[in-house]
Amino acid sequence: MHTPPSASSPSPDDDTASYEDAKEAVSAVITWYGRQLLDARRSGDQQRLEELTEQMKVCTEDRRRLVGAAPQEIERLKVLYTERLRNLGAGES
């Protein structure tokens, strides 16, 4: 007879949801940086443009790493980018 997993055992659906949540958080931060990059280009602020480009590069690398990442890494990135998005929203617009 098949015993269902205990409540503390993650199900495949939990892993998928966590992956999707992490991907969504990273993508939202990338979108935020994209908007800021446009503003920096328009204003001619080269230093800000370089800083934003570097940050966006790190984000895209993290998003790529999500594929095949261990559940702990997915969760870490989800928390990191959710917090980063919150801070970006509270700081600059």
C-alpha atoms as a PDB file:
ATOM      1  CA  MET A   1       0.000   0.000   0.000  1.00  0.00           C
ATOM      2  CA  HIS A   2       1.253   3.479  -0.868  1.00  0.00           C
ATOM      3  CA  THR A   3       1.838   5.868   2.021  1.00  0.00           C
ATOM      4  CA  PRO A   4       1.377   9.548   1.154  1.00  0.00           C
ATOM      5  CA  PRO A   5       4.284  11.853   1.961  1.00  0.00           C
ATOM      6  CA  SER A   6       4.203  13.490   5.367  1.00  0.00           C
ATOM      7  CA  ALA A   7       3.241  17.144   5.691  1.00  0.00           C
ATOM      8  CA  SER A   8       6.895  18.073   6.165  1.00  0.00           C
ATOM      9  CA  SER A   9       8.018  16.378   2.946  1.00  0.00           C
ATOM     10  CA  PRO A  10       8.168  18.736  -0.020  1.00  0.00           C
ATOM     11  CA  SER A  11       6.133  17.600  -2.976  1.00  0.00           C
ATOM     12  CA  PRO A  12       7.163  18.079  -6.610  1.00  0.00           C
ATOM     13  CA  ASP A  13       4.493  20.785  -6.803  1.00  0.00           C
ATOM     14  CA  ASP A  14       6.210  22.654  -3.948  1.00  0.00           C
ATOM     15  CA  ASP A  15       9.520  22.547  -5.815  1.00  0.00           C
ATOM     16  CA  THR A  16       7.862  23.786  -8.999  1.00  0.00           C
ATOM     17  CA  ALA A  17       6.094  26.594  -7.150  1.00  0.00           C
ATOM     18  CA  SER A  18       9.319  27.612  -5.444  1.00  0.00           C
ATOM     19  CA  TYR A  19      11.183  27.602  -8.772  1.00  0.00           C
ATOM     20  CA  GLU A  20       8.457  29.676 -10.419  1.00  0.00           C
ATOM     21  CA  ASP A  21       8.388  32.091  -7.467  1.00  0.00           C
ATOM     22  CA  ALA A  22      12.163  32.487  -7.591  1.00  0.00           C
ATOM     23  CA  LYS A  23      12.156  32.990 -11.360  1.00  0.00           C
ATOM     24  CA  GLU A  24       9.383  35.568 -11.047  1.00  0.00           C
ATOM     25  CA  ALA A  25      11.271  37.486  -8.330  1.00  0.00           C
ATOM     26  CA  VAL A  26      14.527  37.533 -10.313  1.00  0.00           C
ATOM     27  CA  SER A  27      12.693  38.560 -13.485  1.00  0.00           C
ATOM     28  CA  ALA A  28      10.939  41.399 -11.648  1.00  0.00           C
ATOM     29  CA  VAL A  29      14.298  42.756 -10.476  1.00  0.00           C
ATOM     30  CA  ILE A  30      15.684  42.453 -14.020  1.00  0.00           C
ATOM     31  CA  THR A  31      12.675  44.403 -15.288  1.00  0.00           C
ATOM     32  CA  TRP A  32      13.282  47.101 -12.671  1.00  0.00           C
ATOM     33  CA  TYR A  33      16.934  47.398 -13.737  1.00  0.00           C
ATOM     34  CA  GLY A  34      15.847  47.542 -17.380  1.00  0.00           C
ATOM     35  CA  ARG A  35      13.653  50.566 -16.698  1.00  0.00           C
ATOM     36  CA  GLN A  36      16.432  52.245 -14.768  1.00  0.00           C
ATOM     37  CA  LEU A  37      18.858  51.552 -17.624  1.00  0.00           C
ATOM     38  CA  LEU A  38      16.546  53.369 -20.036  1.00  0.00           C
ATOM     39  CA  ASP A  39      16.398  56.365 -17.702  1.00  0.00           C
ATOM     40  CA  ALA A  40      20.185  56.378 -17.300  1.00  0.00           C
ATOM     41  CA  ARG A  41      20.681  56.263 -21.076  1.00  0.00           C
ATOM     42  CA  ARG A  42      18.267  59.136 -21.588  1.00  0.00           C
ATOM     43  CA  SER A  43      19.943  61.240 -18.918  1.00  0.00           C
ATOM     44  CA  GLY A  44      23.460  60.417 -20.143  1.00  0.00           C
ATOM     45  CA  ASP A  45      24.552  59.237 -16.679  1.00  0.00           C
ATOM     46  CA  GLN A  46      27.382  56.935 -17.741  1.00  0.00           C
ATOM     47  CA  GLN A  47      28.392  55.898 -14.224  1.00  0.00           C
ATOM     48  CA  ARG A  48      24.836  54.884 -13.316  1.00  0.00           C
ATOM     49  CA  LEU A  49      24.501  53.093 -16.652  1.00  0.00           C
ATOM     50  CA  GLU A  50      27.609  51.017 -15.910  1.00  0.00           C
ATOM     51  CA  GLU A  51      26.448  50.198 -12.372  1.00  0.00           C
ATOM     52  CA  LEU A  52      23.003  49.144 -13.555  1.00  0.00           C
ATOM     53  CA  THR A  53      24.434  47.087 -16.416  1.00  0.00           C
ATOM     54  CA  GLU A  54      26.650  45.189 -13.974  1.00  0.00           C
ATOM     55  CA  GLN A  55      23.757  44.558 -11.574  1.00  0.00           C
ATOM     56  CA  MET A  56      21.532  43.370 -14.405  1.00  0.00           C
ATOM     57  CA  LYS A  57      24.268  40.989 -15.574  1.00  0.00           C
ATOM     58  CA  VAL A  58      24.430  39.418 -12.101  1.00  0.00           C
ATOM     59  CA  CYS A  59      20.640  39.025 -12.092  1.00  0.00           C
ATOM     60  CA  THR A  60      20.564  37.318 -15.485  1.00  0.00           C
ATOM     61  CA  GLU A  61      23.307  34.929 -14.358  1.00  0.00           C
ATOM     62  CA  ASP A  62      21.305  34.105 -11.230  1.00  0.00           C
ATOM     63  CA  ARG A  63      18.168  33.506 -13.312  1.00  0.00           C
ATOM     64  CA  ARG A  64      20.135  31.129 -15.558  1.00  0.00           C
ATOM     65  CA  ARG A  65      21.451  29.282 -12.495  1.00  0.00           C
ATOM     66  CA  LEU A  66      17.909  28.592 -11.296  1.00  0.00           C
ATOM     67  CA  VAL A  67      17.543  25.869 -13.923  1.00  0.00           C
ATOM     68  CA  GLY A  68      18.788  22.712 -12.288  1.00  0.00           C
ATOM     69  CA  ALA A  69      19.555  24.411  -8.967  1.00  0.00           C
ATOM     70  CA  ALA A  70      19.093  22.546  -5.707  1.00  0.00           C
ATOM     71  CA  PRO A  71      15.941  23.407  -3.746  1.00  0.00           C
ATOM     72  CA  GLN A  72      18.007  25.247  -1.122  1.00  0.00           C
ATOM     73  CA  GLU A  73      19.609  27.472  -3.771  1.00  0.00           C
ATOM     74  CA  ILE A  74      16.240  28.157  -5.377  1.00  0.00           C
ATOM     75  CA  GLU A  75      14.836  29.185  -2.004  1.00  0.00           C
ATOM     76  CA  ARG A  76      17.889  31.356  -1.266  1.00  0.00           C
ATOM     77  CA  LEU A  77      17.545  33.190  -4.573  1.00  0.00           C
ATOM     78  CA  LYS A  78      13.794  33.595  -4.093  1.00  0.00           C
ATOM     79  CA  VAL A  79      14.303  35.218  -0.685  1.00  0.00           C
ATOM     80  CA  LEU A  80      17.223  37.348  -1.912  1.00  0.00           C
ATOM     81  CA  TYR A  81      15.394  38.714  -4.944  1.00  0.00           C
ATOM     82  CA  THR A  82      12.079  39.198  -3.159  1.00  0.00           C
ATOM     83  CA  GLU A  83      13.891  41.332  -0.586  1.00  0.00           C
ATOM     84  CA  ARG A  84      15.897  43.147  -3.250  1.00  0.00           C
ATOM     85  CA  LEU A  85      12.729  44.020  -5.153  1.00  0.00           C
ATOM     86  CA  ARG A  86      11.141  45.295  -1.953  1.00  0.00           C
ATOM     87  CA  ASN A  87      14.196  47.474  -1.271  1.00  0.00           C
ATOM     88  CA  LEU A  88      14.344  48.766  -4.845  1.00  0.00           C
ATOM     89  CA  GLY A  89      10.681  49.686  -4.710  1.00  0.00           C
ATOM     90  CA  ALA A  90      11.145  51.509  -1.417  1.00  0.00           C
ATOM     91  CA  GLY A  91      14.262  53.325  -2.614  1.00  0.00           C
ATOM     92  CA  GLU A  92      14.435  54.587  -6.155  1.00  0.00           C
ATOM     93  CA  SER A  93      11.696  54.678  -8.726  1.00  0.00           C
END
